[in-house]
Amino acid sequence: MKVLIRETLRTVGVNIYGADGQLHTKDFFEKYFSDTDGAYPTLPEEQEEFETEAEWTIITEADFKHLAENLAHIQNAIDGVQEKIENGDSRAEYTFNSDCFLI
């Protein structure tokens, strides 16, 4: 998925795959950024003004760098959950960045 970094007007690609092997970047962004002010779905006016196909906008370069630094960990966590599911685990607790998730 394409993401606009508003501060620098740079468009970047971000891809997050779910346990099913399909792209779930948009789903992730909707959940991850639902209660923050750091990102939002790119407005049609912004797409036109900045000549971008970005679906989401992250406001600052610092916010994008923070996300980028954690993407590998996030993807590894998703892949780890998939491995446990493939090994027969159907319900478990997983911890990431001090947050606990029940899958």
PDB file of N, CA and C in Angstrom:
ATOM      1  N   MET A   1       0.849  -1.166   0.000  1.00  0.00           N
ATOM      2  CA  MET A   1       0.000   0.000   0.000  1.00  0.00           C
ATOM      3  C   MET A   1       0.895   1.230   0.000  1.00  0.00           C
ATOM      4  N   LYS A   2       0.455   2.251  -0.687  1.00  0.00           N
ATOM      5  CA  LYS A   2       1.233   3.483  -0.731  1.00  0.00           C
ATOM      6  C   LYS A   2       0.812   4.405   0.411  1.00  0.00           C
ATOM      7  N   VAL A   3       1.838   5.022   1.025  1.00  0.00           N
ATOM      8  CA  VAL A   3       1.639   5.902   2.168  1.00  0.00           C
ATOM      9  C   VAL A   3       2.356   7.218   1.897  1.00  0.00           C
ATOM     10  N   LEU A   4       1.672   8.324   2.134  1.00  0.00           N
ATOM     11  CA  LEU A   4       2.261   9.651   1.986  1.00  0.00           C
ATOM     12  C   LEU A   4       2.795  10.109   3.332  1.00  0.00           C
ATOM     13  N   ILE A   5       4.059  10.517   3.362  1.00  0.00           N
ATOM     14  CA  ILE A   5       4.607  11.152   4.558  1.00  0.00           C
ATOM     15  C   ILE A   5       4.392  12.649   4.342  1.00  0.00           C
ATOM     16  N   ARG A   6       3.460  13.207   5.045  1.00  0.00           N
ATOM     17  CA  ARG A   6       3.005  14.582   4.800  1.00  0.00           C
ATOM     18  C   ARG A   6       4.124  15.604   4.991  1.00  0.00           C
ATOM     19  N   GLU A   7       4.942  15.407   6.002  1.00  0.00           N
ATOM     20  CA  GLU A   7       5.997  16.376   6.318  1.00  0.00           C
ATOM     21  C   GLU A   7       6.982  16.556   5.164  1.00  0.00           C
ATOM     22  N   THR A   8       7.293  15.466   4.471  1.00  0.00           N
ATOM     23  CA  THR A   8       8.288  15.516   3.395  1.00  0.00           C
ATOM     24  C   THR A   8       7.668  15.358   2.009  1.00  0.00           C
ATOM     25  N   LEU A   9       6.366  15.111   1.968  1.00  0.00           N
ATOM     26  CA  LEU A   9       5.635  14.863   0.713  1.00  0.00           C
ATOM     27  C   LEU A   9       6.238  13.706  -0.076  1.00  0.00           C
ATOM     28  N   ARG A  10       6.713  12.716   0.661  1.00  0.00           N
ATOM     29  CA  ARG A  10       7.305  11.522   0.056  1.00  0.00           C
ATOM     30  C   ARG A  10       6.289  10.389   0.139  1.00  0.00           C
ATOM     31  N   THR A  11       6.120   9.666  -0.966  1.00  0.00           N
ATOM     32  CA  THR A  11       5.238   8.504  -0.993  1.00  0.00           C
ATOM     33  C   THR A  11       6.091   7.247  -0.916  1.00  0.00           C
ATOM     34  N   VAL A  12       5.732   6.361   0.013  1.00  0.00           N
ATOM     35  CA  VAL A  12       6.482   5.123   0.220  1.00  0.00           C
ATOM     36  C   VAL A  12       5.522   3.946   0.167  1.00  0.00           C
ATOM     37  N   GLY A  13       6.071   2.757  -0.032  1.00  0.00           N
ATOM     38  CA  GLY A  13       5.279   1.536  -0.023  1.00  0.00           C
ATOM     39  C   GLY A  13       5.426   0.821   1.303  1.00  0.00           C
ATOM     40  N   VAL A  14       4.313   0.370   1.860  1.00  0.00           N
ATOM     41  CA  VAL A  14       4.309  -0.402   3.101  1.00  0.00           C
ATOM     42  C   VAL A  14       3.446  -1.633   2.852  1.00  0.00           C
ATOM     43  N   ASN A  15       3.988  -2.811   3.148  1.00  0.00           N
ATOM     44  CA  ASN A  15       3.245  -4.060   2.970  1.00  0.00           C
ATOM     45  C   ASN A  15       3.311  -4.883   4.241  1.00  0.00           C
ATOM     46  N   ILE A  16       2.166  -5.249   4.757  1.00  0.00           N
ATOM     47  CA  ILE A  16       2.075  -6.112   5.930  1.00  0.00           C
ATOM     48  C   ILE A  16       1.185  -7.290   5.543  1.00  0.00           C
ATOM     49  N   TYR A  17       1.733  -8.490   5.701  1.00  0.00           N
ATOM     50  CA  TYR A  17       1.011  -9.708   5.340  1.00  0.00           C
ATOM     51  C   TYR A  17       0.425 -10.346   6.586  1.00  0.00           C
ATOM     52  N   GLY A  18      -0.794 -10.836   6.469  1.00  0.00           N
ATOM     53  CA  GLY A  18      -1.447 -11.518   7.569  1.00  0.00           C
ATOM     54  C   GLY A  18      -1.029 -12.972   7.649  1.00  0.00           C
ATOM     55  N   ALA A  19      -1.546 -13.648   8.658  1.00  0.00           N
ATOM     56  CA  ALA A  19      -1.243 -15.063   8.854  1.00  0.00           C
ATOM     57  C   ALA A  19      -1.733 -15.902   7.683  1.00  0.00           C
ATOM     58  N   ASP A  20      -2.669 -15.363   6.903  1.00  0.00           N
ATOM     59  CA  ASP A  20      -3.181 -16.086   5.739  1.00  0.00           C
ATOM     60  C   ASP A  20      -2.330 -15.879   4.492  1.00  0.00           C
ATOM     61  N   GLY A  21      -1.249 -15.107   4.614  1.00  0.00           N
ATOM     62  CA  GLY A  21      -0.366 -14.866   3.479  1.00  0.00           C
ATOM     63  C   GLY A  21      -0.832 -13.753   2.554  1.00  0.00           C
ATOM     64  N   GLN A  22      -1.962 -13.148   2.862  1.00  0.00           N
ATOM     65  CA  GLN A  22      -2.511 -12.064   2.047  1.00  0.00           C
ATOM     66  C   GLN A  22      -2.100 -10.703   2.618  1.00  0.00           C
ATOM     67  N   LEU A  23      -2.108  -9.692   1.760  1.00  0.00           N
ATOM     68  CA  LEU A  23      -1.812  -8.336   2.219  1.00  0.00           C
ATOM     69  C   LEU A  23      -2.926  -7.833   3.135  1.00  0.00           C
ATOM     70  N   HIS A  24      -2.536  -7.295   4.284  1.00  0.00           N
ATOM     71  CA  HIS A  24      -3.496  -6.734   5.235  1.00  0.00           C
ATOM     72  C   HIS A  24      -3.031  -5.370   5.723  1.00  0.00           C
ATOM     73  N   THR A  25      -2.302  -4.665   4.886  1.00  0.00           N
ATOM     74  CA  THR A  25      -1.746  -3.379   5.283  1.00  0.00           C
ATOM     75  C   THR A  25      -2.846  -2.392   5.650  1.00  0.00           C
ATOM     76  N   LYS A  26      -3.864  -2.299   4.826  1.00  0.00           N
ATOM     77  CA  LYS A  26      -4.948  -1.350   5.090  1.00  0.00           C
ATOM     78  C   LYS A  26      -5.654  -1.692   6.401  1.00  0.00           C
ATOM     79  N   ASP A  27      -5.938  -2.980   6.625  1.00  0.00           N
ATOM     80  CA  ASP A  27      -6.564  -3.407   7.882  1.00  0.00           C
ATOM     81  C   ASP A  27      -5.692  -3.024   9.070  1.00  0.00           C
ATOM     82  N   PHE A  28      -4.387  -3.266   8.936  1.00  0.00           N
ATOM     83  CA  PHE A  28      -3.460  -2.943  10.012  1.00  0.00           C
ATOM     84  C   PHE A  28      -3.491  -1.445  10.304  1.00  0.00           C
ATOM     85  N   PHE A  29      -3.402  -0.629   9.258  1.00  0.00           N
ATOM     86  CA  PHE A  29      -3.397   0.820   9.453  1.00  0.00           C
ATOM     87  C   PHE A  29      -4.691   1.282  10.126  1.00  0.00           C
ATOM     88  N   GLU A  30      -5.826   0.730   9.710  1.00  0.00           N
ATOM     89  CA  GLU A  30      -7.105   1.119  10.305  1.00  0.00           C
ATOM     90  C   GLU A  30      -7.142   0.806  11.795  1.00  0.00           C
ATOM     91  N   LYS A  31      -6.565  -0.310  12.194  1.00  0.00           N
ATOM     92  CA  LYS A  31      -6.563  -0.686  13.606  1.00  0.00           C
ATOM     93  C   LYS A  31      -5.449   0.020  14.379  1.00  0.00           C
ATOM     94  N   TYR A  32      -4.241   0.044  13.817  1.00  0.00           N
ATOM     95  CA  TYR A  32      -3.070   0.601  14.497  1.00  0.00           C
ATOM     96  C   TYR A  32      -3.227   2.098  14.733  1.00  0.00           C
ATOM     97  N   PHE A  33      -3.789   2.800  13.777  1.00  0.00           N
ATOM     98  CA  PHE A  33      -3.888   4.253  13.872  1.00  0.00           C
ATOM     99  C   PHE A  33      -5.290   4.736  14.250  1.00  0.00           C
ATOM    100  N   SER A  34      -6.166   3.833  14.691  1.00  0.00           N
ATOM    101  CA  SER A  34      -7.550   4.210  14.968  1.00  0.00           C
ATOM    102  C   SER A  34      -7.687   5.212  16.108  1.00  0.00           C
ATOM    103  N   ASP A  35      -6.793   5.170  17.077  1.00  0.00           N
ATOM    104  CA  ASP A  35      -6.918   6.082  18.220  1.00  0.00           C
ATOM    105  C   ASP A  35      -5.726   7.027  18.336  1.00  0.00           C
ATOM    106  N   THR A  36      -5.131   7.367  17.207  1.00  0.00           N
ATOM    107  CA  THR A  36      -4.007   8.301  17.212  1.00  0.00           C
ATOM    108  C   THR A  36      -4.277   9.440  16.236  1.00  0.00           C
ATOM    109  N   ASP A  37      -3.497  10.481  16.381  1.00  0.00           N
ATOM    110  CA  ASP A  37      -3.594  11.606  15.457  1.00  0.00           C
ATOM    111  C   ASP A  37      -2.452  11.599  14.455  1.00  0.00           C
ATOM    112  N   GLY A  38      -1.640  10.549  14.447  1.00  0.00           N
ATOM    113  CA  GLY A  38      -0.440  10.523  13.620  1.00  0.00           C
ATOM    114  C   GLY A  38      -0.633  10.115  12.176  1.00  0.00           C
ATOM    115  N   ALA A  39      -1.797   9.550  11.857  1.00  0.00           N
ATOM    116  CA  ALA A  39      -2.033   9.084  10.488  1.00  0.00           C
ATOM    117  C   ALA A  39      -3.532   9.043  10.225  1.00  0.00           C
ATOM    118  N   TYR A  40      -3.866   9.089   8.956  1.00  0.00           N
ATOM    119  CA  TYR A  40      -5.274   9.080   8.561  1.00  0.00           C
ATOM    120  C   TYR A  40      -5.367   8.673   7.094  1.00  0.00           C
ATOM    121  N   PRO A  41      -6.547   8.218   6.651  1.00  0.00           N
ATOM    122  CA  PRO A  41      -6.711   7.909   5.227  1.00  0.00           C
ATOM    123  C   PRO A  41      -6.486   9.182   4.404  1.00  0.00           C
ATOM    124  N   THR A  42      -5.710   9.055   3.358  1.00  0.00           N
ATOM    125  CA  THR A  42      -5.392  10.209   2.517  1.00  0.00           C
ATOM    126  C   THR A  42      -6.662  10.755   1.872  1.00  0.00           C
ATOM    127  N   LEU A  43      -6.824  12.051   1.957  1.00  0.00           N
ATOM    128  CA  LEU A  43      -7.993  12.710   1.375  1.00  0.00           C
ATOM    129  C   LEU A  43      -7.838  12.831  -0.138  1.00  0.00           C
ATOM    130  N   PRO A  44      -8.934  12.754  -0.878  1.00  0.00           N
ATOM    131  CA  PRO A  44      -8.851  12.897  -2.336  1.00  0.00           C
ATOM    132  C   PRO A  44      -8.168  14.204  -2.760  1.00  0.00           C
ATOM    133  N   GLU A  45      -8.411  15.279  -2.010  1.00  0.00           N
ATOM    134  CA  GLU A  45      -7.777  16.557  -2.336  1.00  0.00           C
ATOM    135  C   GLU A  45      -6.255  16.470  -2.208  1.00  0.00           C
ATOM    136  N   GLU A  46      -5.794  15.719  -1.197  1.00  0.00           N
ATOM    137  CA  GLU A  46      -4.349  15.548  -1.004  1.00  0.00           C
ATOM    138  C   GLU A  46      -3.755  14.716  -2.135  1.00  0.00           C
ATOM    139  N   GLN A  47      -4.469  13.675  -2.526  1.00  0.00           N
ATOM    140  CA  GLN A  47      -3.978  12.852  -3.629  1.00  0.00           C
ATOM    141  C   GLN A  47      -3.790  13.695  -4.881  1.00  0.00           C
ATOM    142  N   GLU A  48      -4.736  14.571  -5.131  1.00  0.00           N
ATOM    143  CA  GLU A  48      -4.644  15.429  -6.315  1.00  0.00           C
ATOM    144  C   GLU A  48      -3.548  16.485  -6.150  1.00  0.00           C
ATOM    145  N   GLU A  49      -3.548  17.171  -5.015  1.00  0.00           N
ATOM    146  CA  GLU A  49      -2.582  18.252  -4.791  1.00  0.00           C
ATOM    147  C   GLU A  49      -1.143  17.759  -4.804  1.00  0.00           C
ATOM    148  N   PHE A  50      -0.894  16.611  -4.180  1.00  0.00           N
ATOM    149  CA  PHE A  50       0.468  16.099  -4.059  1.00  0.00           C
ATOM    150  C   PHE A  50       0.799  15.036  -5.099  1.00  0.00           C
ATOM    151  N   GLU A  51      -0.133  14.825  -6.029  1.00  0.00           N
ATOM    152  CA  GLU A  51       0.058  13.864  -7.119  1.00  0.00           C
ATOM    153  C   GLU A  51       0.544  12.513  -6.593  1.00  0.00           C
ATOM    154  N   THR A  52      -0.256  11.952  -5.701  1.00  0.00           N
ATOM    155  CA  THR A  52       0.095  10.682  -5.083  1.00  0.00           C
ATOM    156  C   THR A  52      -1.090   9.724  -5.143  1.00  0.00           C
ATOM    157  N   GLU A  53      -0.786   8.453  -5.163  1.00  0.00           N
ATOM    158  CA  GLU A  53      -1.809   7.410  -5.091  1.00  0.00           C
ATOM    159  C   GLU A  53      -1.897   6.837  -3.679  1.00  0.00           C
ATOM    160  N   ALA A  54      -1.260   7.525  -2.727  1.00  0.00           N
ATOM    161  CA  ALA A  54      -1.228   7.038  -1.346  1.00  0.00           C
ATOM    162  C   ALA A  54      -2.642   6.876  -0.797  1.00  0.00           C
ATOM    163  N   GLU A  55      -2.849   5.754  -0.100  1.00  0.00           N
ATOM    164  CA  GLU A  55      -4.137   5.495   0.531  1.00  0.00           C
ATOM    165  C   GLU A  55      -4.175   6.028   1.955  1.00  0.00           C
ATOM    166  N   TRP A  56      -2.990   6.141   2.572  1.00  0.00           N
ATOM    167  CA  TRP A  56      -2.886   6.639   3.944  1.00  0.00           C
ATOM    168  C   TRP A  56      -1.828   7.719   4.006  1.00  0.00           C
ATOM    169  N   THR A  57      -1.988   8.621   4.966  1.00  0.00           N
ATOM    170  CA  THR A  57      -1.024   9.689   5.201  1.00  0.00           C
ATOM    171  C   THR A  57      -0.518   9.580   6.628  1.00  0.00           C
ATOM    172  N   ILE A  58       0.801   9.593   6.777  1.00  0.00           N
ATOM    173  CA  ILE A  58       1.443   9.697   8.084  1.00  0.00           C
ATOM    174  C   ILE A  58       1.977  11.119   8.164  1.00  0.00           C
ATOM    175  N   ILE A  59       1.684  11.810   9.234  1.00  0.00           N
ATOM    176  CA  ILE A  59       1.951  13.244   9.292  1.00  0.00           C
ATOM    177  C   ILE A  59       3.437  13.586   9.341  1.00  0.00           C
ATOM    178  N   THR A  60       4.216  12.922  10.185  1.00  0.00           N
ATOM    179  CA  THR A  60       5.622  13.313  10.329  1.00  0.00           C
ATOM    180  C   THR A  60       6.572  12.195   9.914  1.00  0.00           C
ATOM    181  N   GLU A  61       7.757  12.599   9.533  1.00  0.00           N
ATOM    182  CA  GLU A  61       8.820  11.643   9.201  1.00  0.00           C
ATOM    183  C   GLU A  61       9.166  10.806  10.428  1.00  0.00           C
ATOM    184  N   ALA A  62       9.163  11.434  11.606  1.00  0.00           N
ATOM    185  CA  ALA A  62       9.478  10.708  12.844  1.00  0.00           C
ATOM    186  C   ALA A  62       8.470   9.588  13.094  1.00  0.00           C
ATOM    187  N   ASP A  63       7.187   9.854  12.865  1.00  0.00           N
ATOM    188  CA  ASP A  63       6.169   8.809  13.037  1.00  0.00           C
ATOM    189  C   ASP A  63       6.377   7.676  12.041  1.00  0.00           C
ATOM    190  N   PHE A  64       6.725   8.032  10.807  1.00  0.00           N
ATOM    191  CA  PHE A  64       6.981   6.991   9.812  1.00  0.00           C
ATOM    192  C   PHE A  64       8.202   6.166  10.202  1.00  0.00           C
ATOM    193  N   LYS A  65       9.269   6.832  10.653  1.00  0.00           N
ATOM    194  CA  LYS A  65      10.479   6.098  11.050  1.00  0.00           C
ATOM    195  C   LYS A  65      10.180   5.146  12.197  1.00  0.00           C
ATOM    196  N   HIS A  66       9.355   5.599  13.145  1.00  0.00           N
ATOM    197  CA  HIS A  66       8.984   4.725  14.265  1.00  0.00           C
ATOM    198  C   HIS A  66       8.250   3.486  13.749  1.00  0.00           C
ATOM    199  N   LEU A  67       7.310   3.688  12.851  1.00  0.00           N
ATOM    200  CA  LEU A  67       6.600   2.553  12.254  1.00  0.00           C
ATOM    201  C   LEU A  67       7.564   1.662  11.490  1.00  0.00           C
ATOM    202  N   ALA A  68       8.417   2.266  10.664  1.00  0.00           N
ATOM    203  CA  ALA A  68       9.354   1.491   9.843  1.00  0.00           C
ATOM    204  C   ALA A  68      10.293   0.655  10.707  1.00  0.00           C
ATOM    205  N   GLU A  69      10.734   1.214  11.835  1.00  0.00           N
ATOM    206  CA  GLU A  69      11.627   0.477  12.733  1.00  0.00           C
ATOM    207  C   GLU A  69      10.934  -0.734  13.342  1.00  0.00           C
ATOM    208  N   ASN A  70       9.626  -0.675  13.461  1.00  0.00           N
ATOM    209  CA  ASN A  70       8.882  -1.764  14.096  1.00  0.00           C
ATOM    210  C   ASN A  70       8.219  -2.727  13.120  1.00  0.00           C
ATOM    211  N   LEU A  71       8.217  -2.406  11.830  1.00  0.00           N
ATOM    212  CA  LEU A  71       7.534  -3.273  10.861  1.00  0.00           C
ATOM    213  C   LEU A  71       8.081  -4.692  10.844  1.00  0.00           C
ATOM    214  N   ALA A  72       9.390  -4.838  10.901  1.00  0.00           N
ATOM    215  CA  ALA A  72       9.970  -6.189  10.892  1.00  0.00           C
ATOM    216  C   ALA A  72       9.507  -6.971  12.118  1.00  0.00           C
ATOM    217  N   HIS A  73       9.444  -6.316  13.271  1.00  0.00           N
ATOM    218  CA  HIS A  73       8.991  -6.986  14.494  1.00  0.00           C
ATOM    219  C   HIS A  73       7.514  -7.365  14.390  1.00  0.00           C
ATOM    220  N   ILE A  74       6.728  -6.460  13.824  1.00  0.00           N
ATOM    221  CA  ILE A  74       5.302  -6.731  13.650  1.00  0.00           C
ATOM    222  C   ILE A  74       5.101  -7.920  12.719  1.00  0.00           C
ATOM    223  N   GLN A  75       5.808  -7.910  11.583  1.00  0.00           N
ATOM    224  CA  GLN A  75       5.669  -9.010  10.627  1.00  0.00           C
ATOM    225  C   GLN A  75       6.152 -10.318  11.240  1.00  0.00           C
ATOM    226  N   ASN A  76       7.252 -10.279  12.001  1.00  0.00           N
ATOM    227  CA  ASN A  76       7.747 -11.488  12.665  1.00  0.00           C
ATOM    228  C   ASN A  76       6.729 -12.016  13.667  1.00  0.00           C
ATOM    229  N   ALA A  77       6.053 -11.112  14.373  1.00  0.00           N
ATOM    230  CA  ALA A  77       5.029 -11.539  15.329  1.00  0.00           C
ATOM    231  C   ALA A  77       3.871 -12.222  14.605  1.00  0.00           C
ATOM    232  N   ILE A  78       3.440 -11.641  13.499  1.00  0.00           N
ATOM    233  CA  ILE A  78       2.357 -12.244  12.709  1.00  0.00           C
ATOM    234  C   ILE A  78       2.779 -13.616  12.196  1.00  0.00           C
ATOM    235  N   ASP A  79       3.998 -13.702  11.680  1.00  0.00           N
ATOM    236  CA  ASP A  79       4.498 -14.981  11.174  1.00  0.00           C
ATOM    237  C   ASP A  79       4.617 -16.009  12.295  1.00  0.00           C
ATOM    238  N   GLY A  80       5.020 -15.561  13.487  1.00  0.00           N
ATOM    239  CA  GLY A  80       5.126 -16.462  14.637  1.00  0.00           C
ATOM    240  C   GLY A  80       3.777 -17.013  15.048  1.00  0.00           C
ATOM    241  N   VAL A  81       2.765 -16.165  15.017  1.00  0.00           N
ATOM    242  CA  VAL A  81       1.409 -16.614  15.325  1.00  0.00           C
ATOM    243  C   VAL A  81       0.962 -17.647  14.299  1.00  0.00           C
ATOM    244  N   GLN A  82       1.231 -17.377  13.025  1.00  0.00           N
ATOM    245  CA  GLN A  82       0.859 -18.327  11.971  1.00  0.00           C
ATOM    246  C   GLN A  82       1.520 -19.684  12.203  1.00  0.00           C
ATOM    247  N   GLU A  83       2.780 -19.662  12.586  1.00  0.00           N
ATOM    248  CA  GLU A  83       3.494 -20.917  12.842  1.00  0.00           C
ATOM    249  C   GLU A  83       2.835 -21.685  13.977  1.00  0.00           C
ATOM    250  N   LYS A  84       2.448 -20.993  15.044  1.00  0.00           N
ATOM    251  CA  LYS A  84       1.789 -21.657  16.169  1.00  0.00           C
ATOM    252  C   LYS A  84       0.434 -22.229  15.745  1.00  0.00           C
ATOM    253  N   ILE A  85      -0.289 -21.484  14.922  1.00  0.00           N
ATOM    254  CA  ILE A  85      -1.583 -21.976  14.431  1.00  0.00           C
ATOM    255  C   ILE A  85      -1.385 -23.233  13.593  1.00  0.00           C
ATOM    256  N   GLU A  86      -0.364 -23.216  12.732  1.00  0.00           N
ATOM    257  CA  GLU A  86      -0.076 -24.384  11.898  1.00  0.00           C
ATOM    258  C   GLU A  86       0.316 -25.592  12.736  1.00  0.00           C
ATOM    259  N   ASN A  87       0.877 -25.349  13.929  1.00  0.00           N
ATOM    260  CA  ASN A  87       1.276 -26.438  14.817  1.00  0.00           C
ATOM    261  C   ASN A  87       0.147 -26.864  15.749  1.00  0.00           C
ATOM    262  N   GLY A  88      -1.057 -26.347  15.508  1.00  0.00           N
ATOM    263  CA  GLY A  88      -2.206 -26.805  16.273  1.00  0.00           C
ATOM    264  C   GLY A  88      -2.689 -25.868  17.359  1.00  0.00           C
ATOM    265  N   ASP A  89      -1.969 -24.806  17.658  1.00  0.00           N
ATOM    266  CA  ASP A  89      -2.442 -23.856  18.661  1.00  0.00           C
ATOM    267  C   ASP A  89      -3.601 -23.062  18.077  1.00  0.00           C
ATOM    268  N   SER A  90      -4.695 -22.989  18.807  1.00  0.00           N
ATOM    269  CA  SER A  90      -5.826 -22.229  18.294  1.00  0.00           C
ATOM    270  C   SER A  90      -6.112 -20.988  19.131  1.00  0.00           C
ATOM    271  N   ARG A  91      -5.583 -20.957  20.341  1.00  0.00           N
ATOM    272  CA  ARG A  91      -5.837 -19.817  21.215  1.00  0.00           C
ATOM    273  C   ARG A  91      -4.623 -19.642  22.116  1.00  0.00           C
ATOM    274  N   ALA A  92      -4.085 -18.452  22.114  1.00  0.00           N
ATOM    275  CA  ALA A  92      -2.915 -18.200  22.938  1.00  0.00           C
ATOM    276  C   ALA A  92      -2.759 -16.709  23.168  1.00  0.00           C
ATOM    277  N   GLU A  93      -1.923 -16.363  24.137  1.00  0.00           N
ATOM    278  CA  GLU A  93      -1.600 -14.968  24.391  1.00  0.00           C
ATOM    279  C   GLU A  93      -0.234 -14.672  23.802  1.00  0.00           C
ATOM    280  N   TYR A  94      -0.131 -13.534  23.148  1.00  0.00           N
ATOM    281  CA  TYR A  94       1.132 -13.107  22.552  1.00  0.00           C
ATOM    282  C   TYR A  94       1.411 -11.688  23.015  1.00  0.00           C
ATOM    283  N   THR A  95       2.661 -11.395  23.294  1.00  0.00           N
ATOM    284  CA  THR A  95       3.043 -10.070  23.764  1.00  0.00           C
ATOM    285  C   THR A  95       3.911  -9.388  22.728  1.00  0.00           C
ATOM    286  N   PHE A  96       3.597  -8.122  22.449  1.00  0.00           N
ATOM    287  CA  PHE A  96       4.388  -7.304  21.534  1.00  0.00           C
ATOM    288  C   PHE A  96       4.396  -5.889  22.081  1.00  0.00           C
ATOM    289  N   ASN A  97       5.592  -5.330  22.274  1.00  0.00           N
ATOM    290  CA  ASN A  97       5.739  -3.965  22.805  1.00  0.00           C
ATOM    291  C   ASN A  97       4.903  -3.764  24.069  1.00  0.00           C
ATOM    292  N   SER A  98       4.966  -4.721  24.972  1.00  0.00           N
ATOM    293  CA  SER A  98       4.279  -4.681  26.258  1.00  0.00           C
ATOM    294  C   SER A  98       2.759  -4.766  26.149  1.00  0.00           C
ATOM    295  N   ASP A  99       2.230  -4.944  24.956  1.00  0.00           N
ATOM    296  CA  ASP A  99       0.797  -5.136  24.782  1.00  0.00           C
ATOM    297  C   ASP A  99       0.533  -6.620  24.581  1.00  0.00           C
ATOM    298  N   CYS A 100      -0.495  -7.115  25.215  1.00  0.00           N
ATOM    299  CA  CYS A 100      -0.820  -8.532  25.122  1.00  0.00           C
ATOM    300  C   CYS A 100      -2.023  -8.704  24.202  1.00  0.00           C
ATOM    301  N   PHE A 101      -1.922  -9.662  23.299  1.00  0.00           N
ATOM    302  CA  PHE A 101      -2.989  -9.936  22.350  1.00  0.00           C
ATOM    303  C   PHE A 101      -3.430 -11.378  22.514  1.00  0.00           C
ATOM    304  N   LEU A 102      -4.718 -11.602  22.496  1.00  0.00           N
ATOM    305  CA  LEU A 102      -5.261 -12.954  22.550  1.00  0.00           C
ATOM    306  C   LEU A 102      -5.697 -13.323  21.149  1.00  0.00           C
ATOM    307  N   ILE A 103      -5.104 -14.398  20.612  1.00  0.00           N
ATOM    308  CA  ILE A 103      -5.406 -14.838  19.256  1.00  0.00           C
ATOM    309  C   ILE A 103      -6.230 -16.112  19.344  1.00  0.00           C
TER     310      ILE A 103
END
